[in-house]
């Protein structure tokens, strides 16, 4: 897993709980075949999901 500073991720979500939920949901989507939103050479869906969050490509929608 590549290193993405937790501070950068928390700036995007404002909460550790929200970060975990968002990363989990996105990793599940990627595992089901959703296309990657970032050019990233890693194969692990968790790494890809965290990179997408760090780059601001995905956001948590309340109520889902």
N, C-alpha and C. Protein backbone atom coordinates (compact mmCIF):
# COMPACT_ATOMS: atom_id res chain seq x y z
N UNK A 1 0.85 -1.18 0.00
CA UNK A 1 0.00 0.00 0.00
C UNK A 1 0.89 1.24 0.00
N UNK A 2 0.59 2.17 -0.86
CA UNK A 2 1.37 3.38 -0.91
C UNK A 2 1.03 4.28 0.28
N UNK A 3 1.92 5.21 0.56
CA UNK A 3 1.72 6.08 1.71
C UNK A 3 0.94 7.32 1.31
N UNK A 4 -0.21 7.48 1.91
CA UNK A 4 -1.03 8.69 1.75
C UNK A 4 -1.21 9.24 3.16
N UNK A 5 -0.70 10.44 3.43
CA UNK A 5 -0.80 10.99 4.80
C UNK A 5 -2.24 11.06 5.29
N UNK A 6 -2.47 10.57 6.48
CA UNK A 6 -3.82 10.55 7.07
C UNK A 6 -4.37 11.96 7.21
N UNK A 7 -3.50 12.94 7.44
CA UNK A 7 -3.95 14.32 7.57
C UNK A 7 -4.60 14.81 6.27
N UNK A 8 -4.03 14.40 5.13
CA UNK A 8 -4.60 14.79 3.84
C UNK A 8 -5.98 14.17 3.64
N UNK A 9 -6.12 12.93 4.05
CA UNK A 9 -7.41 12.26 3.91
C UNK A 9 -8.46 12.85 4.84
N UNK A 10 -8.04 13.18 6.06
CA UNK A 10 -8.99 13.76 7.02
C UNK A 10 -9.45 15.14 6.60
N UNK A 11 -8.62 15.87 5.87
CA UNK A 11 -9.03 17.19 5.36
C UNK A 11 -10.19 17.04 4.38
N UNK A 12 -10.24 15.92 3.68
CA UNK A 12 -11.29 15.69 2.69
C UNK A 12 -12.60 15.24 3.32
N UNK A 13 -12.54 14.57 4.49
CA UNK A 13 -13.74 14.00 5.08
C UNK A 13 -14.13 14.63 6.42
N UNK A 14 -13.21 15.25 7.11
CA UNK A 14 -13.42 15.89 8.40
C UNK A 14 -13.74 14.93 9.54
N UNK A 15 -13.61 13.63 9.29
CA UNK A 15 -13.94 12.65 10.32
C UNK A 15 -13.30 11.31 9.96
N UNK A 16 -12.70 10.66 10.95
CA UNK A 16 -12.12 9.35 10.72
C UNK A 16 -13.21 8.35 10.36
N UNK A 17 -14.36 8.45 11.02
CA UNK A 17 -15.47 7.56 10.73
C UNK A 17 -15.92 7.70 9.28
N UNK A 18 -16.10 8.92 8.82
CA UNK A 18 -16.52 9.16 7.44
C UNK A 18 -15.48 8.64 6.46
N UNK A 19 -14.22 8.81 6.80
CA UNK A 19 -13.14 8.33 5.94
C UNK A 19 -13.22 6.82 5.78
N UNK A 20 -13.40 6.11 6.87
CA UNK A 20 -13.47 4.65 6.83
C UNK A 20 -14.68 4.18 6.02
N UNK A 21 -15.82 4.81 6.24
CA UNK A 21 -17.04 4.45 5.52
C UNK A 21 -16.87 4.71 4.02
N UNK A 22 -16.34 5.86 3.67
CA UNK A 22 -16.15 6.22 2.27
C UNK A 22 -15.17 5.28 1.59
N UNK A 23 -14.05 5.01 2.22
CA UNK A 23 -13.05 4.11 1.64
C UNK A 23 -13.61 2.70 1.48
N UNK A 24 -14.36 2.25 2.45
CA UNK A 24 -14.95 0.92 2.39
C UNK A 24 -15.95 0.80 1.25
N UNK A 25 -16.83 1.78 1.15
CA UNK A 25 -17.84 1.76 0.09
C UNK A 25 -17.19 1.81 -1.29
N UNK A 26 -16.21 2.67 -1.44
CA UNK A 26 -15.55 2.81 -2.74
C UNK A 26 -14.76 1.56 -3.09
N UNK A 27 -14.08 0.96 -2.12
CA UNK A 27 -13.34 -0.27 -2.38
C UNK A 27 -14.28 -1.39 -2.81
N UNK A 28 -15.46 -1.43 -2.22
CA UNK A 28 -16.47 -2.42 -2.60
C UNK A 28 -16.91 -2.20 -4.04
N UNK A 29 -17.13 -0.94 -4.42
CA UNK A 29 -17.51 -0.61 -5.79
C UNK A 29 -16.42 -1.02 -6.77
N UNK A 30 -15.18 -0.70 -6.44
CA UNK A 30 -14.05 -1.05 -7.31
C UNK A 30 -13.92 -2.56 -7.45
N UNK A 31 -14.11 -3.27 -6.36
CA UNK A 31 -14.03 -4.73 -6.38
C UNK A 31 -15.13 -5.34 -7.26
N UNK A 32 -16.26 -4.65 -7.35
CA UNK A 32 -17.38 -5.12 -8.16
C UNK A 32 -17.22 -4.75 -9.64
N UNK A 33 -16.15 -4.02 -9.97
CA UNK A 33 -15.89 -3.71 -11.37
C UNK A 33 -16.01 -2.26 -11.77
N UNK A 34 -16.26 -1.36 -10.83
CA UNK A 34 -16.36 0.07 -11.16
C UNK A 34 -15.01 0.57 -11.69
N UNK A 35 -15.03 1.49 -12.64
CA UNK A 35 -13.77 2.00 -13.19
C UNK A 35 -13.04 2.89 -12.18
N UNK A 36 -11.71 2.88 -12.25
CA UNK A 36 -10.90 3.75 -11.40
C UNK A 36 -11.06 5.20 -11.87
N UNK A 37 -11.06 6.12 -10.93
CA UNK A 37 -11.18 7.54 -11.24
C UNK A 37 -9.83 8.24 -11.27
N UNK A 38 -8.77 7.50 -10.94
CA UNK A 38 -7.42 8.06 -10.92
C UNK A 38 -6.47 7.12 -11.66
N UNK A 39 -5.41 7.68 -12.21
CA UNK A 39 -4.36 6.86 -12.81
C UNK A 39 -3.44 6.43 -11.67
N UNK A 40 -3.52 5.17 -11.33
CA UNK A 40 -2.80 4.66 -10.16
C UNK A 40 -2.32 3.27 -10.50
N UNK A 41 -1.05 3.00 -10.25
CA UNK A 41 -0.46 1.73 -10.66
C UNK A 41 -0.68 0.58 -9.67
N UNK A 42 -1.25 0.86 -8.53
CA UNK A 42 -1.49 -0.19 -7.53
C UNK A 42 -2.73 -0.98 -7.91
N UNK A 43 -2.75 -2.24 -7.52
CA UNK A 43 -3.88 -3.11 -7.83
C UNK A 43 -4.87 -3.26 -6.68
N UNK A 44 -4.45 -2.97 -5.45
CA UNK A 44 -5.34 -3.14 -4.30
C UNK A 44 -6.44 -2.09 -4.33
N UNK A 45 -7.67 -2.54 -4.19
CA UNK A 45 -8.80 -1.62 -4.26
C UNK A 45 -8.80 -0.62 -3.11
N UNK A 46 -8.27 -1.02 -1.96
CA UNK A 46 -8.22 -0.07 -0.84
C UNK A 46 -7.25 1.06 -1.14
N UNK A 47 -6.13 0.75 -1.76
CA UNK A 47 -5.15 1.79 -2.12
C UNK A 47 -5.74 2.74 -3.15
N UNK A 48 -6.44 2.19 -4.12
CA UNK A 48 -7.06 3.01 -5.16
C UNK A 48 -8.13 3.91 -4.54
N UNK A 49 -8.96 3.35 -3.66
CA UNK A 49 -10.02 4.13 -3.01
C UNK A 49 -9.43 5.28 -2.20
N UNK A 50 -8.37 5.03 -1.44
CA UNK A 50 -7.75 6.09 -0.65
C UNK A 50 -7.12 7.16 -1.54
N UNK A 51 -6.53 6.76 -2.65
CA UNK A 51 -5.96 7.74 -3.58
C UNK A 51 -7.06 8.59 -4.20
N UNK A 52 -8.19 8.00 -4.53
CA UNK A 52 -9.31 8.77 -5.08
C UNK A 52 -9.83 9.78 -4.06
N UNK A 53 -9.87 9.39 -2.80
CA UNK A 53 -10.30 10.31 -1.74
C UNK A 53 -9.29 11.45 -1.61
N UNK A 54 -8.01 11.11 -1.59
CA UNK A 54 -6.95 12.12 -1.45
C UNK A 54 -7.00 13.14 -2.58
N UNK A 55 -7.34 12.69 -3.79
CA UNK A 55 -7.39 13.59 -4.93
C UNK A 55 -8.75 14.30 -5.06
N UNK A 56 -9.66 14.01 -4.15
CA UNK A 56 -10.96 14.68 -4.16
C UNK A 56 -11.90 14.21 -5.25
N UNK A 57 -11.69 13.02 -5.76
CA UNK A 57 -12.53 12.49 -6.84
C UNK A 57 -13.86 11.94 -6.34
N UNK A 58 -13.92 11.54 -5.07
CA UNK A 58 -15.17 11.02 -4.51
C UNK A 58 -15.44 11.67 -3.16
N UNK A 59 -16.72 11.76 -2.83
CA UNK A 59 -17.14 12.34 -1.56
C UNK A 59 -18.28 11.52 -1.00
N UNK A 60 -18.40 11.52 0.31
CA UNK A 60 -19.45 10.77 0.98
C UNK A 60 -20.76 11.53 0.85
N UNK A 61 -21.80 10.81 0.42
CA UNK A 61 -23.14 11.40 0.32
C UNK A 61 -23.94 10.94 1.52
N UNK A 62 -24.46 11.87 2.27
CA UNK A 62 -25.24 11.55 3.45
C UNK A 62 -26.55 10.92 3.02
N UNK A 63 -26.97 9.89 3.74
CA UNK A 63 -28.22 9.24 3.44
C UNK A 63 -28.09 8.03 2.55
N UNK A 64 -26.86 7.65 2.21
CA UNK A 64 -26.65 6.48 1.37
C UNK A 64 -25.94 5.42 2.14
